[in-house]
Amino acid sequence: MKSGSVTEAAERLFVTQPAVTKLLKGFEEACGFTLFDRGQGRLKPTAEARQLFAETEKLEAGMTRIARLAESIRNLERGEVSAVTFPALSMQIAPQAGAALLGRHPEIGLQLFSRTSRSVEDTMVTGKADFGISLRPSTFPSLRAEKFEEMFFYVAMPSGHRLAAKDRLAMKDLDGEPFVALGREDLSYPLIEAAFQRAGSRYNPIAEVHMANAACEMVAEGAGISVVLSITSAGPQDQRLTFRRLSEPLTMTSWLITPKGERLSMLASELLADMRARIRRLQEPECLEQGSGTG
């Protein structure tokens, strides 16, 4: 219909002329009527062919749209991705990785949720997120939990603190120091308290706060010191704060929560890989930046 001849139709379809002739003959036989009148090397469409063409053109346009959509999905130009993470991760790492993803794929949709580790699996069960990252594994039978990253704790202190002169600190160095603790409901609280006990150091909490960024703000104002996850240092540099590693590493396992039996989309996998890379960079010996956020 568009080319007017078998020869040109074959060229457009990258097939032979006999192949086009065979296809036309088979289609006419299936329809039960003639589609083209042949003459002088050209094909003249019949009235019946014109009626059919009105519908086949819609089909061709639909196939073209599907092909373009598939290409845009393949190139990560279309689609949506959502993630739910525990608060410390949602303060800096997740937004940074999300912004980078949008920079690479500006047409996509992105949702980032922040929930306590105890609530991450609830969000996943309701299907609101593609994946979740929690500080505790899921027990729901419809969800799969696998170890994500082992995260280290750092000591946060005012920049002028006497302990800042040391490259690494032992728990015994923190003996009796005024301590800004995370609340007792925080999953890190028993770990930190037990570390003081093992070292025989006096645990001296002068305040309890709900979030690590709040603890760091109190530390920056000179209220005392704190022990927070490494990802707390991912934010903008704060000259009032100094972070130091512990000579006896204190760690906490993070867990990746996904729907059981489902494969992550390419967009979700890219976002997850970026978050993992940022966590690992923060924990490299030469990288100890400033920031805020546990939960």
Protein backbone atom coordinates (compact mmCIF):
# COMPACT_ATOMS: atom_id res chain seq x y z
CA MET A 1 0.00 0.00 0.00
CA LYS A 2 2.82 2.44 0.88
CA SER A 3 5.38 1.50 -1.77
CA GLY A 4 3.11 0.75 -4.73
CA SER A 5 5.27 -2.11 -5.98
CA VAL A 6 6.53 -5.52 -4.94
CA THR A 7 10.12 -4.47 -5.68
CA GLU A 8 10.10 -1.46 -3.38
CA ALA A 9 8.15 -3.35 -0.69
CA ALA A 10 10.85 -6.05 -0.73
CA GLU A 11 13.57 -3.41 -0.36
CA ARG A 12 11.83 -1.79 2.61
CA LEU A 13 11.34 -5.15 4.32
CA PHE A 14 14.85 -6.41 3.47
CA VAL A 15 13.45 -9.57 1.89
CA THR A 16 13.28 -10.95 -1.66
CA GLN A 17 10.58 -10.11 -4.20
CA PRO A 18 9.33 -13.72 -4.36
CA ALA A 19 8.92 -13.64 -0.57
CA VAL A 20 6.70 -10.53 -0.81
CA THR A 21 4.69 -12.07 -3.67
CA LYS A 22 4.17 -15.23 -1.60
CA LEU A 23 3.06 -13.23 1.46
CA LEU A 24 0.57 -11.22 -0.62
CA LYS A 25 -0.87 -14.32 -2.24
CA GLY A 26 -1.26 -16.06 1.12
CA PHE A 27 -2.92 -13.00 2.67
CA GLU A 28 -5.37 -12.67 -0.23
CA GLU A 29 -6.28 -16.34 0.07
CA ALA A 30 -6.84 -15.93 3.83
CA CYS A 31 -9.04 -12.87 3.26
CA GLY A 32 -10.99 -14.46 0.43
CA PHE A 33 -10.78 -11.47 -1.90
CA THR A 34 -8.30 -9.64 -4.13
CA LEU A 35 -6.19 -6.94 -2.51
CA PHE A 36 -4.35 -5.51 -5.53
CA ASP A 37 -4.89 -5.26 -9.27
CA ARG A 38 -1.60 -5.84 -11.09
CA GLY A 39 -0.63 -3.80 -14.11
CA GLN A 40 2.36 -2.00 -15.65
CA GLY A 41 4.66 -3.02 -12.80
CA ARG A 42 2.55 -1.29 -10.18
CA LEU A 43 0.01 -2.56 -7.68
CA LYS A 44 -3.32 -0.78 -7.52
CA PRO A 45 -5.14 -1.40 -4.23
CA THR A 46 -8.76 -2.50 -4.37
CA ALA A 47 -11.50 -0.84 -2.32
CA GLU A 48 -11.39 -3.84 0.02
CA ALA A 49 -7.64 -3.37 0.51
CA ARG A 50 -8.17 0.27 1.45
CA GLN A 51 -10.67 -0.76 4.13
CA LEU A 52 -8.20 -3.27 5.56
CA PHE A 53 -5.34 -0.77 5.43
CA ALA A 54 -7.17 1.60 7.77
CA GLU A 55 -6.99 -1.10 10.47
CA THR A 56 -3.54 -2.50 9.68
CA GLU A 57 -2.08 1.01 9.86
CA LYS A 58 -3.34 1.26 13.46
CA LEU A 59 -1.72 -2.11 14.17
CA GLU A 60 1.59 -0.98 12.68
CA ALA A 61 1.53 2.22 14.70
CA GLY A 62 0.84 0.18 17.84
CA MET A 63 3.77 -2.14 17.09
CA THR A 64 6.01 0.88 16.56
CA ARG A 65 4.97 2.30 19.94
CA ILE A 66 5.67 -1.05 21.61
CA ALA A 67 9.12 -1.20 20.00
CA ARG A 68 9.92 2.32 21.15
CA LEU A 69 8.65 1.58 24.66
CA ALA A 70 10.77 -1.56 24.84
CA GLU A 71 13.80 0.44 23.74
CA SER A 72 13.18 3.15 26.34
CA ILE A 73 12.75 0.54 29.10
CA ARG A 74 15.92 -1.22 27.94
CA ASN A 75 17.79 2.10 28.05
CA LEU A 76 16.26 2.89 31.49
CA GLU A 77 14.50 5.96 30.07
CA ARG A 78 11.10 4.88 31.36
CA GLY A 79 9.82 3.20 34.48
CA GLU A 80 9.49 3.67 38.23
CA VAL A 81 11.54 2.56 41.21
CA SER A 82 10.82 2.73 44.92
CA ALA A 83 12.87 1.83 47.99
CA VAL A 84 12.32 1.84 51.74
CA THR A 85 15.31 2.15 54.08
CA PHE A 86 16.00 2.54 57.77
CA PRO A 87 16.42 6.19 58.87
CA ALA A 88 20.22 6.39 58.97
CA LEU A 89 20.36 5.26 55.35
CA SER A 90 17.45 7.45 54.28
CA MET A 91 19.12 10.65 55.53
CA GLN A 92 22.06 10.77 53.13
CA ILE A 93 22.96 7.61 51.19
CA ALA A 94 19.53 6.84 49.71
CA PRO A 95 18.82 10.46 48.58
CA GLN A 96 22.32 10.80 47.13
CA ALA A 97 21.95 7.57 45.15
CA GLY A 98 18.41 8.57 44.12
CA ALA A 99 19.55 11.97 42.86
CA ALA A 100 22.35 10.34 40.87
CA LEU A 101 19.85 7.91 39.32
CA LEU A 102 17.57 10.77 38.28
CA GLY A 103 20.57 12.57 36.81
CA ARG A 104 21.24 9.58 34.57
CA HIS A 105 17.56 8.83 33.82
CA PRO A 106 15.55 12.07 34.22
CA GLU A 107 12.28 10.63 32.84
CA ILE A 108 11.81 7.92 35.49
CA GLY A 109 9.68 8.04 38.63
CA LEU A 110 11.40 7.65 42.02
CA GLN A 111 10.03 7.08 45.53
CA LEU A 112 12.16 6.86 48.67
CA PHE A 113 10.53 5.90 51.97
CA SER A 114 12.03 6.08 55.45
CA ARG A 115 10.86 3.58 58.07
CA THR A 116 12.30 2.12 61.25
CA SER A 117 13.93 -1.26 60.75
CA ARG A 118 10.96 -2.88 62.46
CA SER A 119 8.60 -1.30 59.91
CA VAL A 120 10.59 -1.82 56.68
CA GLU A 121 9.12 -5.30 56.15
CA ASP A 122 5.58 -3.95 56.69
CA THR A 123 6.11 -1.58 53.77
CA MET A 124 7.45 -4.42 51.66
CA VAL A 125 4.51 -6.72 52.48
CA THR A 126 2.06 -4.09 51.23
CA GLY A 127 3.98 -3.84 47.94
CA LYS A 128 4.84 -0.15 48.28
CA ALA A 129 8.54 -0.62 47.49
CA ASP A 130 10.69 -2.65 45.10
CA PHE A 131 13.20 -3.37 47.84
CA GLY A 132 13.90 -2.50 51.45
CA ILE A 133 17.06 -2.21 53.53
CA SER A 134 16.75 -2.91 57.23
CA LEU A 135 18.93 -3.58 60.26
CA ARG A 136 17.00 -6.75 60.98
CA PRO A 137 16.05 -9.68 58.71
CA SER A 138 12.46 -10.23 57.68
CA THR A 139 10.42 -13.12 59.02
CA PHE A 140 7.51 -12.79 56.59
CA PRO A 141 7.17 -15.90 54.38
CA SER A 142 6.42 -13.75 51.31
CA LEU A 143 9.70 -11.83 51.65
CA ARG A 144 13.33 -12.78 51.10
CA ALA A 145 16.07 -11.43 53.36
CA GLU A 146 19.77 -11.55 52.51
CA LYS A 147 22.77 -9.84 54.06
CA PHE A 148 23.41 -6.51 52.36
CA GLU A 149 26.40 -4.72 53.92
CA GLU A 150 28.30 -4.95 57.18
CA MET A 151 28.41 -1.40 58.56
CA PHE A 152 30.97 -0.06 61.00
CA PHE A 153 30.41 2.26 63.93
CA TYR A 154 32.45 5.47 64.24
CA VAL A 155 33.10 7.69 67.24
CA ALA A 156 31.72 11.20 66.69
CA MET A 157 33.29 14.01 68.72
CA PRO A 158 33.73 17.78 68.67
CA SER A 159 36.61 18.74 66.37
CA GLY A 160 38.64 20.18 69.24
CA HIS A 161 38.22 17.14 71.48
CA ARG A 162 41.39 15.70 73.02
CA LEU A 163 40.61 12.23 71.55
CA ALA A 164 40.69 13.69 68.02
CA ALA A 165 44.49 13.51 68.19
CA LYS A 166 44.28 9.72 67.81
CA ASP A 167 43.75 8.04 64.43
CA ARG A 168 41.78 5.20 66.01
CA LEU A 169 40.07 4.85 69.35
CA ALA A 170 39.59 1.90 71.69
CA MET A 171 36.44 1.58 73.76
CA LYS A 172 38.59 2.09 76.85
CA ASP A 173 39.42 5.57 75.52
CA LEU A 174 35.74 6.42 75.93
CA ASP A 175 35.73 5.55 79.64
CA GLY A 176 33.49 7.97 81.52
CA GLU A 177 33.19 10.41 78.58
CA PRO A 178 29.87 12.32 78.48
CA PHE A 179 27.95 10.25 75.95
CA VAL A 180 25.02 11.17 73.68
CA ALA A 181 23.21 7.87 73.20
CA LEU A 182 20.55 6.77 70.78
CA GLY A 183 17.31 5.79 72.43
CA ARG A 184 16.95 2.41 74.08
CA GLU A 185 14.54 1.32 71.37
CA ASP A 186 17.28 1.84 68.74
CA LEU A 187 18.82 -1.43 67.55
CA SER A 188 22.33 -0.06 68.10
CA TYR A 189 21.82 0.69 71.81
CA PRO A 190 22.49 -2.83 73.19
CA LEU A 191 25.50 -3.28 70.88
CA ILE A 192 27.17 -0.09 72.07
CA GLU A 193 26.34 -0.71 75.71
CA ALA A 194 27.78 -4.24 75.48
CA ALA A 195 30.98 -2.89 73.85
CA PHE A 196 31.53 -0.60 76.86
CA GLN A 197 31.00 -3.54 79.20
CA ARG A 198 33.46 -5.79 77.34
CA ALA A 199 36.13 -3.09 77.49
CA GLY A 200 35.51 -2.48 81.19
CA SER A 201 34.77 1.19 80.37
CA ARG A 202 32.24 3.27 82.24
CA TYR A 203 29.21 4.07 80.08
CA ASN A 204 28.16 7.64 80.89
CA PRO A 205 25.06 8.59 78.85
CA ILE A 206 24.09 12.21 79.54
CA ALA A 207 21.31 12.28 76.92
CA GLU A 208 19.27 9.97 74.71
CA VAL A 209 18.03 11.05 71.27
CA HIS A 210 15.99 9.31 68.61
CA MET A 211 18.20 9.89 65.54
CA ALA A 212 21.93 9.82 64.90
CA ASN A 213 21.83 13.20 63.16
CA ALA A 214 20.42 14.65 66.40
CA ALA A 215 23.22 12.96 68.36
CA CYS A 216 25.80 14.43 65.99
CA GLU A 217 24.31 17.91 66.34
CA MET A 218 24.58 17.68 70.13
CA VAL A 219 28.15 16.43 69.78
CA ALA A 220 29.01 19.29 67.42
CA GLU A 221 27.70 21.73 70.04
CA GLY A 222 30.09 20.24 72.60
CA ALA A 223 27.65 18.18 74.68
CA GLY A 224 29.82 15.05 74.56
CA ILE A 225 30.73 12.23 72.19
CA SER A 226 28.67 9.53 70.49
CA VAL A 227 29.06 6.27 68.58
CA VAL A 228 27.15 6.18 65.27
CA LEU A 229 27.07 4.14 62.08
CA SER A 230 29.60 5.02 59.37
CA ILE A 231 26.83 6.15 57.01
CA THR A 232 26.13 9.00 59.42
CA SER A 233 29.24 10.67 58.03
CA ALA A 234 27.90 10.77 54.45
CA GLY A 235 26.39 14.25 54.60
CA PRO A 236 27.86 17.71 54.00
CA GLN A 237 31.06 18.40 55.90
CA ASP A 238 30.61 19.96 59.30
CA GLN A 239 33.83 21.51 60.58
CA ARG A 240 32.56 21.18 64.13
CA LEU A 241 32.57 17.38 63.91
CA THR A 242 35.31 14.77 63.80
CA PHE A 243 34.81 11.04 63.22
CA ARG A 244 37.25 8.34 64.28
CA ARG A 245 37.31 4.59 63.71
CA LEU A 246 37.34 2.08 66.52
CA SER A 247 40.46 -0.06 66.85
CA GLU A 248 38.21 -3.01 67.80
CA PRO A 249 35.66 -2.81 64.97
CA LEU A 250 32.05 -2.67 66.07
CA THR A 251 29.68 -3.59 63.25
CA MET A 252 26.02 -4.03 62.44
CA THR A 253 24.57 -6.11 59.59
CA SER A 254 22.14 -4.52 57.17
CA TRP A 255 19.63 -6.70 55.31
CA LEU A 256 18.20 -6.47 51.82
CA ILE A 257 14.46 -7.27 51.81
CA THR A 258 12.80 -8.21 48.51
CA PRO A 259 9.60 -10.00 47.44
CA LYS A 260 10.26 -13.73 47.32
CA GLY A 261 10.43 -15.13 43.81
CA GLU A 262 10.56 -11.74 42.08
CA ARG A 263 13.51 -10.31 40.17
CA LEU A 264 14.52 -6.70 40.77
CA SER A 265 13.97 -4.34 37.85
CA MET A 266 17.02 -2.89 36.10
CA LEU A 267 16.29 0.50 37.66
CA ALA A 268 16.00 -0.96 41.16
CA SER A 269 19.21 -2.93 40.66
CA GLU A 270 21.04 0.21 39.55
CA LEU A 271 19.81 2.20 42.55
CA LEU A 272 20.75 -0.62 44.93
CA ALA A 273 24.23 -0.98 43.43
CA ASP A 274 24.85 2.76 43.82
CA MET A 275 23.78 2.69 47.47
CA ARG A 276 26.07 -0.28 48.13
CA ALA A 277 29.01 1.47 46.47
CA ARG A 278 28.49 4.63 48.52
CA ILE A 279 28.41 2.66 51.78
CA ARG A 280 31.62 0.87 50.88
CA ARG A 281 33.41 4.07 49.89
CA LEU A 282 32.54 5.62 53.24
CA GLN A 283 34.19 2.72 55.03
CA GLU A 284 37.45 2.82 53.07
CA PRO A 285 40.37 3.84 55.32
CA GLU A 286 41.10 7.05 53.39
CA CYS A 287 37.49 8.21 53.36
CA LEU A 288 36.10 9.61 56.59
CA GLU A 289 33.74 12.47 55.85
CA GLN A 290 31.22 14.39 57.91
CA GLY A 291 27.43 14.14 58.11
CA SER A 292 24.25 12.97 59.92
CA GLY A 293 21.34 10.20 60.34
CA THR A 294 20.49 5.43 62.61
CA GLY A 295 17.18 3.82 63.08
